[in-house]
Amino acid sequence: MSTGVTSRESAALGSGPAVSRTPSSGTAPQALPLEATPAAPGFDWNRLLKIGLPMLLFGLSIWFWESYVTRNQVPAYILPAPSAIWTTLIKDWAVLSVSLLTTLKTTFLGLILAVAGGVTLAVLLSLSRVIEYSLYPYAVVLQVTPVVAISPLLLIYLPQDLAVLACAWIVAFFPVLSNTTLGLQSVDRNLLELFDLYGATRPKWAPAFVGRFLSRVKALWYLRRPAALPYFLAGLKIAGGLSLIGAVVAEIAAGSAGAGSGLAYRIIESQYRLNIPRLFAALGLLALTGVIIFLMMSALTHLLLRRWHESALKRER
């Protein structure tokens, strides 16, 4: 007797899930479960390109630079070769390392003061409209005034170390303040109203203005603080590089006046003495310091945001 199943239909049935065939038991065929095999993790080509392409371009640039100087016999006081810069860096490391530590000390002290002052003032601005309207315009004026114009005056009225530190603080202060203030003010208004409705009860003995103050403090800690963290970290990443720039500008102004010991002072000293390889070595140390500071701020941002914020979460493929 013909079963009515063609060869094409039997092939299609054979490609489906396995079916248990029981001899005329009267029960319907049951599909056997298929075990899901986990997909093997693929190679992260994006990370390889992100690291490899800049390194490849840097290596090609160094090779072209070295070849050009060697082939054309360019004098070292005009354009030194990378090999000559590296030799000078090793030979003068005792002098350059002390200057590097001085610049790093000024940079991080200025950054710490900028973070402390910026966050404190941003919190005060978020708690009081009177303080915001009174002080924020002066912070804007302090930011838009070029630090190059301020540094000579600071060197006149302050000791050299304090003047250089003040320049680093002035440049790094406003990004922390503006970004933190923006983050504290970016909370959803509906959440604030809901918080006022359920969580802002004041003690019975306290007057009304104390209850309002306690309500703002609670909202600051439980609502505004998590919302402001990504903005604060973005401002910190900007302020890290700007504090180095402020320190270098102040050191250049101090070096022009005949005093100083940072890397910027070594650059001016090498320029006056036509020691161009040392100038390039000090400049390379400054650039490397800026890159390291940026990477440190980026790592801190990823560490604090990697579990909950969209900017740090990995994309699903």
C-alpha atoms as a PDB file:
ATOM      1  CA  MET A   1       0.000   0.000   0.000  1.00  0.00           C
ATOM      2  CA  SER A   2       1.318   3.449  -0.882  1.00  0.00           C
ATOM      3  CA  THR A   3       2.047   5.717   2.065  1.00  0.00           C
ATOM      4  CA  GLY A   4       1.490   8.904   0.064  1.00  0.00           C
ATOM      5  CA  VAL A   5       4.874  10.451   1.032  1.00  0.00           C
ATOM      6  CA  THR A   6       7.158  11.442  -1.809  1.00  0.00           C
ATOM      7  CA  SER A   7      10.954  11.342  -1.738  1.00  0.00           C
ATOM      8  CA  ARG A   8      11.126  15.180  -1.481  1.00  0.00           C
ATOM      9  CA  GLU A   9       8.806  15.193   1.555  1.00  0.00           C
ATOM     10  CA  SER A  10      10.790  12.427   3.214  1.00  0.00           C
ATOM     11  CA  ALA A  11      13.986  14.411   2.760  1.00  0.00           C
ATOM     12  CA  ALA A  12      12.302  17.437   4.306  1.00  0.00           C
ATOM     13  CA  LEU A  13      11.172  15.336   7.218  1.00  0.00           C
ATOM     14  CA  GLY A  14      14.646  13.967   7.633  1.00  0.00           C
ATOM     15  CA  SER A  15      16.099  17.453   7.994  1.00  0.00           C
ATOM     16  CA  GLY A  16      13.789  18.358  10.931  1.00  0.00           C
ATOM     17  CA  PRO A  17      14.073  17.370  14.571  1.00  0.00           C
ATOM     18  CA  ALA A  18      14.537  13.744  15.397  1.00  0.00           C
ATOM     19  CA  VAL A  19      11.265  11.867  15.950  1.00  0.00           C
ATOM     20  CA  SER A  20      10.991   8.735  18.039  1.00  0.00           C
ATOM     21  CA  ARG A  21       9.309   5.956  16.108  1.00  0.00           C
ATOM     22  CA  THR A  22       7.522   3.467  18.337  1.00  0.00           C
ATOM     23  CA  PRO A  23       5.841   0.376  17.001  1.00  0.00           C
ATOM     24  CA  SER A  24       2.062   0.926  16.889  1.00  0.00           C
ATOM     25  CA  SER A  25       1.840   2.060  20.493  1.00  0.00           C
ATOM     26  CA  GLY A  26      -0.989   4.405  19.728  1.00  0.00           C
ATOM     27  CA  THR A  27       0.913   7.460  21.029  1.00  0.00           C
ATOM     28  CA  ALA A  28       1.885  10.459  18.957  1.00  0.00           C
ATOM     29  CA  PRO A  29       5.537  10.818  17.956  1.00  0.00           C
ATOM     30  CA  GLN A  30       7.538  13.027  20.354  1.00  0.00           C
ATOM     31  CA  ALA A  31      10.376  15.343  19.330  1.00  0.00           C
ATOM     32  CA  LEU A  32      13.665  14.709  21.078  1.00  0.00           C
ATOM     33  CA  PRO A  33      15.227  17.842  22.633  1.00  0.00           C
ATOM     34  CA  LEU A  34      18.203  19.272  20.832  1.00  0.00           C
ATOM     35  CA  GLU A  35      21.050  20.632  23.021  1.00  0.00           C
ATOM     36  CA  ALA A  36      22.049  24.208  22.184  1.00  0.00           C
ATOM     37  CA  THR A  37      25.782  24.579  21.731  1.00  0.00           C
ATOM     38  CA  PRO A  38      27.166  27.949  22.874  1.00  0.00           C
ATOM     39  CA  ALA A  39      28.649  30.054  20.131  1.00  0.00           C
ATOM     40  CA  ALA A  40      32.404  30.411  20.285  1.00  0.00           C
ATOM     41  CA  PRO A  41      33.511  33.947  21.103  1.00  0.00           C
ATOM     42  CA  GLY A  42      34.829  35.678  18.022  1.00  0.00           C
ATOM     43  CA  PHE A  43      38.046  37.647  17.778  1.00  0.00           C
ATOM     44  CA  ASP A  44      37.631  41.318  18.670  1.00  0.00           C
ATOM     45  CA  TRP A  45      38.841  42.974  15.475  1.00  0.00           C
ATOM     46  CA  ASN A  46      37.539  46.357  16.585  1.00  0.00           C
ATOM     47  CA  ARG A  47      39.907  46.467  19.557  1.00  0.00           C
ATOM     48  CA  LEU A  48      42.798  45.295  17.378  1.00  0.00           C
ATOM     49  CA  LEU A  49      42.147  48.073  14.869  1.00  0.00           C
ATOM     50  CA  LYS A  50      41.693  50.652  17.632  1.00  0.00           C
ATOM     51  CA  ILE A  51      45.147  49.866  19.023  1.00  0.00           C
ATOM     52  CA  GLY A  52      46.982  48.637  15.955  1.00  0.00           C
ATOM     53  CA  LEU A  53      46.186  51.428  13.488  1.00  0.00           C
ATOM     54  CA  PRO A  54      47.517  54.292  15.670  1.00  0.00           C
ATOM     55  CA  MET A  55      50.633  52.276  16.516  1.00  0.00           C
ATOM     56  CA  LEU A  56      51.190  51.474  12.845  1.00  0.00           C
ATOM     57  CA  LEU A  57      50.796  55.117  11.864  1.00  0.00           C
ATOM     58  CA  PHE A  58      53.155  56.186  14.657  1.00  0.00           C
ATOM     59  CA  GLY A  59      55.786  53.670  13.563  1.00  0.00           C
ATOM     60  CA  LEU A  60      55.564  54.772   9.923  1.00  0.00           C
ATOM     61  CA  SER A  61      55.877  58.425  10.962  1.00  0.00           C
ATOM     62  CA  ILE A  62      59.003  57.711  13.038  1.00  0.00           C
ATOM     63  CA  TRP A  63      60.528  55.707  10.194  1.00  0.00           C
ATOM     64  CA  PHE A  64      59.819  58.469   7.649  1.00  0.00           C
ATOM     65  CA  TRP A  65      61.201  61.109  10.020  1.00  0.00           C
ATOM     66  CA  GLU A  66      64.399  59.160  10.647  1.00  0.00           C
ATOM     67  CA  SER A  67      64.863  58.418   6.953  1.00  0.00           C
ATOM     68  CA  TYR A  68      64.306  62.030   5.914  1.00  0.00           C
ATOM     69  CA  VAL A  69      66.809  63.440   8.429  1.00  0.00           C
ATOM     70  CA  THR A  70      69.439  60.798   7.633  1.00  0.00           C
ATOM     71  CA  ARG A  71      69.075  61.025   3.849  1.00  0.00           C
ATOM     72  CA  ASN A  72      69.154  64.819   3.698  1.00  0.00           C
ATOM     73  CA  GLN A  73      71.709  65.244   6.521  1.00  0.00           C
ATOM     74  CA  VAL A  74      69.539  67.778   8.348  1.00  0.00           C
ATOM     75  CA  PRO A  75      71.459  69.454  11.226  1.00  0.00           C
ATOM     76  CA  ALA A  76      70.329  68.541  14.728  1.00  0.00           C
ATOM     77  CA  TYR A  77      69.734  72.177  15.667  1.00  0.00           C
ATOM     78  CA  ILE A  78      67.090  72.353  12.901  1.00  0.00           C
ATOM     79  CA  LEU A  79      65.413  68.949  13.073  1.00  0.00           C
ATOM     80  CA  PRO A  80      66.951  66.145  15.137  1.00  0.00           C
ATOM     81  CA  ALA A  81      66.354  62.515  14.241  1.00  0.00           C
ATOM     82  CA  PRO A  82      64.220  60.347  16.539  1.00  0.00           C
ATOM     83  CA  SER A  83      67.322  58.321  17.424  1.00  0.00           C
ATOM     84  CA  ALA A  84      69.103  61.509  18.535  1.00  0.00           C
ATOM     85  CA  ILE A  85      66.080  62.518  20.629  1.00  0.00           C
ATOM     86  CA  TRP A  86      66.025  59.117  22.302  1.00  0.00           C
ATOM     87  CA  THR A  87      69.759  59.306  23.026  1.00  0.00           C
ATOM     88  CA  THR A  88      69.339  62.783  24.532  1.00  0.00           C
ATOM     89  CA  LEU A  89      66.414  61.590  26.634  1.00  0.00           C
ATOM     90  CA  ILE A  90      68.525  58.813  28.152  1.00  0.00           C
ATOM     91  CA  LYS A  91      71.569  61.064  28.631  1.00  0.00           C
ATOM     92  CA  ASP A  92      69.617  63.952  30.234  1.00  0.00           C
ATOM     93  CA  TRP A  93      67.129  61.811  32.150  1.00  0.00           C
ATOM     94  CA  ALA A  94      68.500  62.965  35.510  1.00  0.00           C
ATOM     95  CA  VAL A  95      67.538  66.566  34.682  1.00  0.00           C
ATOM     96  CA  LEU A  96      64.329  65.837  32.773  1.00  0.00           C
ATOM     97  CA  SER A  97      62.942  63.432  35.374  1.00  0.00           C
ATOM     98  CA  VAL A  98      63.146  66.074  38.127  1.00  0.00           C
ATOM     99  CA  SER A  99      61.381  68.580  35.875  1.00  0.00           C
ATOM    100  CA  LEU A 100      58.759  65.963  34.996  1.00  0.00           C
ATOM    101  CA  LEU A 101      58.006  65.328  38.669  1.00  0.00           C
ATOM    102  CA  THR A 102      57.630  69.073  39.254  1.00  0.00           C
ATOM    103  CA  THR A 103      55.144  69.385  36.393  1.00  0.00           C
ATOM    104  CA  LEU A 104      53.213  66.304  37.531  1.00  0.00           C
ATOM    105  CA  LYS A 105      52.989  67.661  41.069  1.00  0.00           C
ATOM    106  CA  THR A 106      51.567  70.955  39.828  1.00  0.00           C
ATOM    107  CA  THR A 107      49.176  69.227  37.430  1.00  0.00           C
ATOM    108  CA  PHE A 108      47.625  66.825  39.925  1.00  0.00           C
ATOM    109  CA  LEU A 109      47.453  69.372  42.737  1.00  0.00           C
ATOM    110  CA  GLY A 110      45.648  71.756  40.390  1.00  0.00           C
ATOM    111  CA  LEU A 111      43.308  68.966  39.300  1.00  0.00           C
ATOM    112  CA  ILE A 112      42.505  67.958  42.888  1.00  0.00           C
ATOM    113  CA  LEU A 113      41.768  71.576  43.845  1.00  0.00           C
ATOM    114  CA  ALA A 114      39.652  72.014  40.720  1.00  0.00           C
ATOM    115  CA  VAL A 115      37.613  68.888  41.514  1.00  0.00           C
ATOM    116  CA  ALA A 116      37.104  69.912  45.150  1.00  0.00           C
ATOM    117  CA  GLY A 117      36.155  73.484  44.308  1.00  0.00           C
ATOM    118  CA  GLY A 118      34.079  72.656  41.252  1.00  0.00           C
ATOM    119  CA  VAL A 119      32.015  69.926  42.901  1.00  0.00           C
ATOM    120  CA  THR A 120      31.467  71.983  46.067  1.00  0.00           C
ATOM    121  CA  LEU A 121      30.328  75.032  44.141  1.00  0.00           C
ATOM    122  CA  ALA A 122      28.125  72.930  41.855  1.00  0.00           C
ATOM    123  CA  VAL A 123      26.379  71.418  44.876  1.00  0.00           C
ATOM    124  CA  LEU A 124      25.817  74.881  46.343  1.00  0.00           C
ATOM    125  CA  LEU A 125      24.455  76.121  43.016  1.00  0.00           C
ATOM    126  CA  SER A 126      21.999  73.222  42.882  1.00  0.00           C
ATOM    127  CA  LEU A 127      20.784  73.887  46.436  1.00  0.00           C
ATOM    128  CA  SER A 128      20.339  77.650  46.225  1.00  0.00           C
ATOM    129  CA  ARG A 129      19.223  79.876  43.357  1.00  0.00           C
ATOM    130  CA  VAL A 130      20.663  82.893  45.153  1.00  0.00           C
ATOM    131  CA  ILE A 131      24.157  81.385  45.158  1.00  0.00           C
ATOM    132  CA  GLU A 132      23.783  80.346  41.523  1.00  0.00           C
ATOM    133  CA  TYR A 133      22.758  83.810  40.349  1.00  0.00           C
ATOM    134  CA  SER A 134      25.483  85.436  42.453  1.00  0.00           C
ATOM    135  CA  LEU A 135      28.582  83.324  41.740  1.00  0.00           C
ATOM    136  CA  TYR A 136      28.131  81.556  38.399  1.00  0.00           C
ATOM    137  CA  PRO A 137      28.762  84.691  36.238  1.00  0.00           C
ATOM    138  CA  TYR A 138      32.123  85.191  37.949  1.00  0.00           C
ATOM    139  CA  ALA A 139      33.050  81.570  37.231  1.00  0.00           C
ATOM    140  CA  VAL A 140      32.283  82.198  33.558  1.00  0.00           C
ATOM    141  CA  VAL A 141      34.442  85.348  33.571  1.00  0.00           C
ATOM    142  CA  LEU A 142      37.278  83.389  35.160  1.00  0.00           C
ATOM    143  CA  GLN A 143      37.030  80.742  32.454  1.00  0.00           C
ATOM    144  CA  VAL A 144      36.833  82.983  29.384  1.00  0.00           C
ATOM    145  CA  THR A 145      39.819  85.116  30.440  1.00  0.00           C
ATOM    146  CA  PRO A 146      42.949  83.648  28.784  1.00  0.00           C
ATOM    147  CA  VAL A 147      45.302  82.091  31.309  1.00  0.00           C
ATOM    148  CA  VAL A 148      48.238  83.406  29.277  1.00  0.00           C
ATOM    149  CA  ALA A 149      47.164  86.914  30.224  1.00  0.00           C
ATOM    150  CA  ILE A 150      46.598  86.027  33.881  1.00  0.00           C
ATOM    151  CA  SER A 151      49.829  84.140  34.541  1.00  0.00           C
ATOM    152  CA  PRO A 152      52.191  87.202  34.488  1.00  0.00           C
ATOM    153  CA  LEU A 153      49.989  88.956  37.038  1.00  0.00           C
ATOM    154  CA  LEU A 154      49.894  85.880  39.246  1.00  0.00           C
ATOM    155  CA  LEU A 155      53.691  85.654  39.106  1.00  0.00           C
ATOM    156  CA  ILE A 156      53.879  89.266  40.325  1.00  0.00           C
ATOM    157  CA  TYR A 157      51.466  88.937  43.244  1.00  0.00           C
ATOM    158  CA  LEU A 158      52.071  85.328  44.298  1.00  0.00           C
ATOM    159  CA  PRO A 159      55.107  83.126  44.902  1.00  0.00           C
ATOM    160  CA  GLN A 160      56.178  81.147  41.887  1.00  0.00           C
ATOM    161  CA  ASP A 161      54.862  77.759  43.073  1.00  0.00           C
ATOM    162  CA  LEU A 162      51.479  79.191  44.063  1.00  0.00           C
ATOM    163  CA  ALA A 163      51.199  81.147  40.810  1.00  0.00           C
ATOM    164  CA  VAL A 164      51.831  78.044  38.689  1.00  0.00           C
ATOM    165  CA  LEU A 165      49.368  76.057  40.810  1.00  0.00           C
ATOM    166  CA  ALA A 166      46.747  78.804  40.491  1.00  0.00           C
ATOM    167  CA  CYS A 167      47.021  78.718  36.696  1.00  0.00           C
ATOM    168  CA  ALA A 168      46.517  74.955  36.630  1.00  0.00           C
ATOM    169  CA  TRP A 169      43.514  75.317  38.940  1.00  0.00           C
ATOM    170  CA  ILE A 170      41.897  78.145  36.953  1.00  0.00           C
ATOM    171  CA  VAL A 171      42.001  76.218  33.681  1.00  0.00           C
ATOM    172  CA  ALA A 172      40.706  72.937  35.156  1.00  0.00           C
ATOM    173  CA  PHE A 173      38.067  74.435  37.449  1.00  0.00           C
ATOM    174  CA  PHE A 174      35.329  75.439  35.004  1.00  0.00           C
ATOM    175  CA  PRO A 175      34.891  72.104  33.136  1.00  0.00           C
ATOM    176  CA  VAL A 176      34.287  70.335  36.447  1.00  0.00           C
ATOM    177  CA  LEU A 177      31.905  73.041  37.609  1.00  0.00           C
ATOM    178  CA  SER A 178      29.877  73.311  34.407  1.00  0.00           C
ATOM    179  CA  ASN A 179      29.567  69.569  33.773  1.00  0.00           C
ATOM    180  CA  THR A 180      28.683  68.755  37.376  1.00  0.00           C
ATOM    181  CA  THR A 181      26.107  71.549  37.486  1.00  0.00           C
ATOM    182  CA  LEU A 182      24.555  70.302  34.260  1.00  0.00           C
ATOM    183  CA  GLY A 183      24.391  66.771  35.640  1.00  0.00           C
ATOM    184  CA  LEU A 184      22.789  67.881  38.893  1.00  0.00           C
ATOM    185  CA  GLN A 185      20.130  69.768  36.941  1.00  0.00           C
ATOM    186  CA  SER A 186      19.400  66.974  34.453  1.00  0.00           C
ATOM    187  CA  VAL A 187      17.185  64.863  36.727  1.00  0.00           C
ATOM    188  CA  ASP A 188      13.718  64.048  35.433  1.00  0.00           C
ATOM    189  CA  ARG A 189      11.207  66.528  36.867  1.00  0.00           C
ATOM    190  CA  ASN A 190       8.638  63.783  37.361  1.00  0.00           C
ATOM    191  CA  LEU A 191      11.068  61.887  39.601  1.00  0.00           C
ATOM    192  CA  LEU A 192      11.714  65.019  41.631  1.00  0.00           C
ATOM    193  CA  GLU A 193       7.983  65.597  42.114  1.00  0.00           C
ATOM    194  CA  LEU A 194       7.476  61.959  43.055  1.00  0.00           C
ATOM    195  CA  PHE A 195      10.331  62.191  45.528  1.00  0.00           C
ATOM    196  CA  ASP A 196       8.843  65.324  47.045  1.00  0.00           C
ATOM    197  CA  LEU A 197       5.526  63.535  47.356  1.00  0.00           C
ATOM    198  CA  TYR A 198       6.777  60.375  49.086  1.00  0.00           C
ATOM    199  CA  GLY A 199      10.227  60.950  50.512  1.00  0.00           C
ATOM    200  CA  ALA A 200      10.507  64.565  51.583  1.00  0.00           C
ATOM    201  CA  THR A 201       8.679  64.488  54.888  1.00  0.00           C
ATOM    202  CA  ARG A 202      10.147  66.872  57.414  1.00  0.00           C
ATOM    203  CA  PRO A 203      10.342  66.323  61.167  1.00  0.00           C
ATOM    204  CA  LYS A 204       7.401  67.607  63.138  1.00  0.00           C
ATOM    205  CA  TRP A 205       9.582  69.879  65.238  1.00  0.00           C
ATOM    206  CA  ALA A 206      11.264  71.491  62.214  1.00  0.00           C
ATOM    207  CA  PRO A 207       9.905  74.649  60.571  1.00  0.00           C
ATOM    208  CA  ALA A 208       8.933  74.762  56.912  1.00  0.00           C
ATOM    209  CA  PHE A 209      12.212  76.107  55.552  1.00  0.00           C
ATOM    210  CA  VAL A 210      14.126  73.317  57.313  1.00  0.00           C
ATOM    211  CA  GLY A 211      11.838  70.788  55.664  1.00  0.00           C
ATOM    212  CA  ARG A 212      12.490  72.295  52.253  1.00  0.00           C
ATOM    213  CA  PHE A 213      16.238  72.211  52.869  1.00  0.00           C
ATOM    214  CA  LEU A 214      16.125  68.575  53.983  1.00  0.00           C
ATOM    215  CA  SER A 215      14.054  67.745  50.918  1.00  0.00           C
ATOM    216  CA  ARG A 216      16.673  69.280  48.639  1.00  0.00           C
ATOM    217  CA  VAL A 217      19.483  67.460  50.439  1.00  0.00           C
ATOM    218  CA  LYS A 218      17.692  64.108  50.088  1.00  0.00           C
ATOM    219  CA  ALA A 219      17.019  64.744  46.416  1.00  0.00           C
ATOM    220  CA  LEU A 220      20.660  65.724  45.967  1.00  0.00           C
ATOM    221  CA  TRP A 221      21.924  62.477  47.465  1.00  0.00           C
ATOM    222  CA  TYR A 222      19.432  59.976  46.077  1.00  0.00           C
ATOM    223  CA  LEU A 223      18.474  61.491  42.706  1.00  0.00           C
ATOM    224  CA  ARG A 224      20.870  64.177  41.549  1.00  0.00           C
ATOM    225  CA  ARG A 225      24.095  62.458  42.588  1.00  0.00           C
ATOM    226  CA  PRO A 226      23.688  59.343  40.356  1.00  0.00           C
ATOM    227  CA  ALA A 227      22.444  61.481  37.463  1.00  0.00           C
ATOM    228  CA  ALA A 228      25.430  63.837  37.741  1.00  0.00           C
ATOM    229  CA  LEU A 229      28.130  61.143  37.882  1.00  0.00           C
ATOM    230  CA  PRO A 230      28.536  60.672  34.072  1.00  0.00           C
ATOM    231  CA  TYR A 231      28.637  64.439  33.559  1.00  0.00           C
ATOM    232  CA  PHE A 232      31.187  64.865  36.343  1.00  0.00           C
ATOM    233  CA  LEU A 233      33.424  62.169  34.862  1.00  0.00           C
ATOM    234  CA  ALA A 234      33.227  63.830  31.443  1.00  0.00           C
ATOM    235  CA  GLY A 235      34.287  67.116  32.999  1.00  0.00           C
ATOM    236  CA  LEU A 236      37.065  65.349  34.898  1.00  0.00           C
ATOM    237  CA  LYS A 237      38.400  63.876  31.665  1.00  0.00           C
ATOM    238  CA  ILE A 238      38.560  67.366  30.148  1.00  0.00           C
ATOM    239  CA  ALA A 239      39.998  68.956  33.280  1.00  0.00           C
ATOM    240  CA  GLY A 240      42.824  66.410  33.472  1.00  0.00           C
ATOM    241  CA  GLY A 241      44.338  67.612  30.208  1.00  0.00           C
ATOM    242  CA  LEU A 242      43.572  71.258  30.867  1.00  0.00           C
ATOM    243  CA  SER A 243      45.349  71.194  34.220  1.00  0.00           C
ATOM    244  CA  LEU A 244      48.511  70.059  32.435  1.00  0.00           C
ATOM    245  CA  ILE A 245      48.077  72.852  29.892  1.00  0.00           C
ATOM    246  CA  GLY A 246      47.627  75.428  32.654  1.00  0.00           C
ATOM    247  CA  ALA A 247      50.726  74.199  34.458  1.00  0.00           C
ATOM    248  CA  VAL A 248      52.805  74.351  31.261  1.00  0.00           C
ATOM    249  CA  VAL A 249      51.576  77.877  30.423  1.00  0.00           C
ATOM    250  CA  ALA A 250      52.463  79.113  33.905  1.00  0.00           C
ATOM    251  CA  GLU A 251      55.868  77.420  33.761  1.00  0.00           C
ATOM    252  CA  ILE A 252      56.556  79.081  30.403  1.00  0.00           C
ATOM    253  CA  ALA A 253      55.684  82.463  31.902  1.00  0.00           C
ATOM    254  CA  ALA A 254      57.895  81.734  34.910  1.00  0.00           C
ATOM    255  CA  GLY A 255      60.699  80.487  32.662  1.00  0.00           C
ATOM    256  CA  SER A 256      60.545  83.663  30.608  1.00  0.00           C
ATOM    257  CA  ALA A 257      61.072  85.568  33.859  1.00  0.00           C
ATOM    258  CA  GLY A 258      64.185  83.510  34.602  1.00  0.00           C
ATOM    259  CA  ALA A 259      62.744  81.112  37.192  1.00  0.00           C
ATOM    260  CA  GLY A 260      61.253  77.675  37.055  1.00  0.00           C
ATOM    261  CA  SER A 261      62.105  73.993  37.096  1.00  0.00           C
ATOM    262  CA  GLY A 262      59.324  72.215  35.203  1.00  0.00           C
ATOM    263  CA  LEU A 263      59.397  70.662  31.754  1.00  0.00           C
ATOM    264  CA  ALA A 264      58.179  73.890  30.149  1.00  0.00           C
ATOM    265  CA  TYR A 265      61.150  75.692  31.655  1.00  0.00           C
ATOM    266  CA  ARG A 266      63.464  73.038  30.166  1.00  0.00           C
ATOM    267  CA  ILE A 267      61.880  73.636  26.778  1.00  0.00           C
ATOM    268  CA  ILE A 268      62.602  77.380  26.962  1.00  0.00           C
ATOM    269  CA  GLU A 269      66.113  76.726  28.246  1.00  0.00           C
ATOM    270  CA  SER A 270      66.824  74.294  25.398  1.00  0.00           C
ATOM    271  CA  GLN A 271      65.458  76.807  22.901  1.00  0.00           C
ATOM    272  CA  TYR A 272      67.817  79.542  24.126  1.00  0.00           C
ATOM    273  CA  ARG A 273      70.796  77.167  24.012  1.00  0.00           C
ATOM    274  CA  LEU A 274      69.787  75.630  20.660  1.00  0.00           C
ATOM    275  CA  ASN A 275      69.707  72.216  22.310  1.00  0.00           C
ATOM    276  CA  ILE A 276      66.879  71.081  20.064  1.00  0.00           C
ATOM    277  CA  PRO A 277      67.137  67.340  20.843  1.00  0.00           C
ATOM    278  CA  ARG A 278      66.519  68.077  24.536  1.00  0.00           C
ATOM    279  CA  LEU A 279      63.629  70.367  23.539  1.00  0.00           C
ATOM    280  CA  PHE A 280      62.011  67.526  21.597  1.00  0.00           C
ATOM    281  CA  ALA A 281      62.663  65.094  24.464  1.00  0.00           C
ATOM    282  CA  ALA A 282      60.918  67.390  26.953  1.00  0.00           C
ATOM    283  CA  LEU A 283      58.063  67.934  24.510  1.00  0.00           C
ATOM    284  CA  GLY A 284      57.685  64.176  24.059  1.00  0.00           C
ATOM    285  CA  LEU A 285      57.508  63.707  27.827  1.00  0.00           C
ATOM    286  CA  LEU A 286      54.764  66.331  28.036  1.00  0.00           C
ATOM    287  CA  ALA A 287      52.772  64.631  25.274  1.00  0.00           C
ATOM    288  CA  LEU A 288      53.199  61.227  26.924  1.00  0.00           C
ATOM    289  CA  THR A 289      52.083  62.691  30.265  1.00  0.00           C
ATOM    290  CA  GLY A 290      48.930  64.090  28.673  1.00  0.00           C
ATOM    291  CA  VAL A 291      48.103  60.747  27.057  1.00  0.00           C
ATOM    292  CA  ILE A 292      48.608  58.892  30.349  1.00  0.00           C
ATOM    293  CA  ILE A 293      46.350  61.338  32.202  1.00  0.00           C
ATOM    294  CA  PHE A 294      43.651  60.901  29.557  1.00  0.00           C
ATOM    295  CA  LEU A 295      43.899  57.108  29.776  1.00  0.00           C
ATOM    296  CA  MET A 296      43.685  57.256  33.574  1.00  0.00           C
ATOM    297  CA  MET A 297      40.534  59.375  33.435  1.00  0.00           C
ATOM    298  CA  SER A 298      39.029  57.078  30.786  1.00  0.00           C
ATOM    299  CA  ALA A 299      39.775  53.997  32.905  1.00  0.00           C
ATOM    300  CA  LEU A 300      38.174  55.629  35.945  1.00  0.00           C
ATOM    301  CA  THR A 301      35.094  56.511  33.877  1.00  0.00           C
ATOM    302  CA  HIS A 302      34.775  52.946  32.605  1.00  0.00           C
ATOM    303  CA  LEU A 303      35.250  51.527  36.110  1.00  0.00           C
ATOM    304  CA  LEU A 304      32.455  53.633  37.610  1.00  0.00           C
ATOM    305  CA  LEU A 305      29.976  53.398  34.729  1.00  0.00           C
ATOM    306  CA  ARG A 306      30.553  49.964  33.205  1.00  0.00           C
ATOM    307  CA  ARG A 307      27.712  48.227  35.079  1.00  0.00           C
ATOM    308  CA  TRP A 308      24.817  50.622  34.600  1.00  0.00           C
ATOM    309  CA  HIS A 309      25.364  53.503  32.168  1.00  0.00           C
ATOM    310  CA  GLU A 310      24.700  53.196  28.443  1.00  0.00           C
ATOM    311  CA  SER A 311      27.946  54.924  27.455  1.00  0.00           C
ATOM    312  CA  ALA A 312      30.053  52.182  29.088  1.00  0.00           C
ATOM    313  CA  LEU A 313      27.996  49.063  28.360  1.00  0.00           C
ATOM    314  CA  LYS A 314      29.215  46.667  25.691  1.00  0.00           C
ATOM    315  CA  ARG A 315      27.151  46.454  22.539  1.00  0.00           C
ATOM    316  CA  GLU A 316      25.456  43.149  21.851  1.00  0.00           C
ATOM    317  CA  ARG A 317      26.296  41.623  18.504  1.00  0.00           C
END
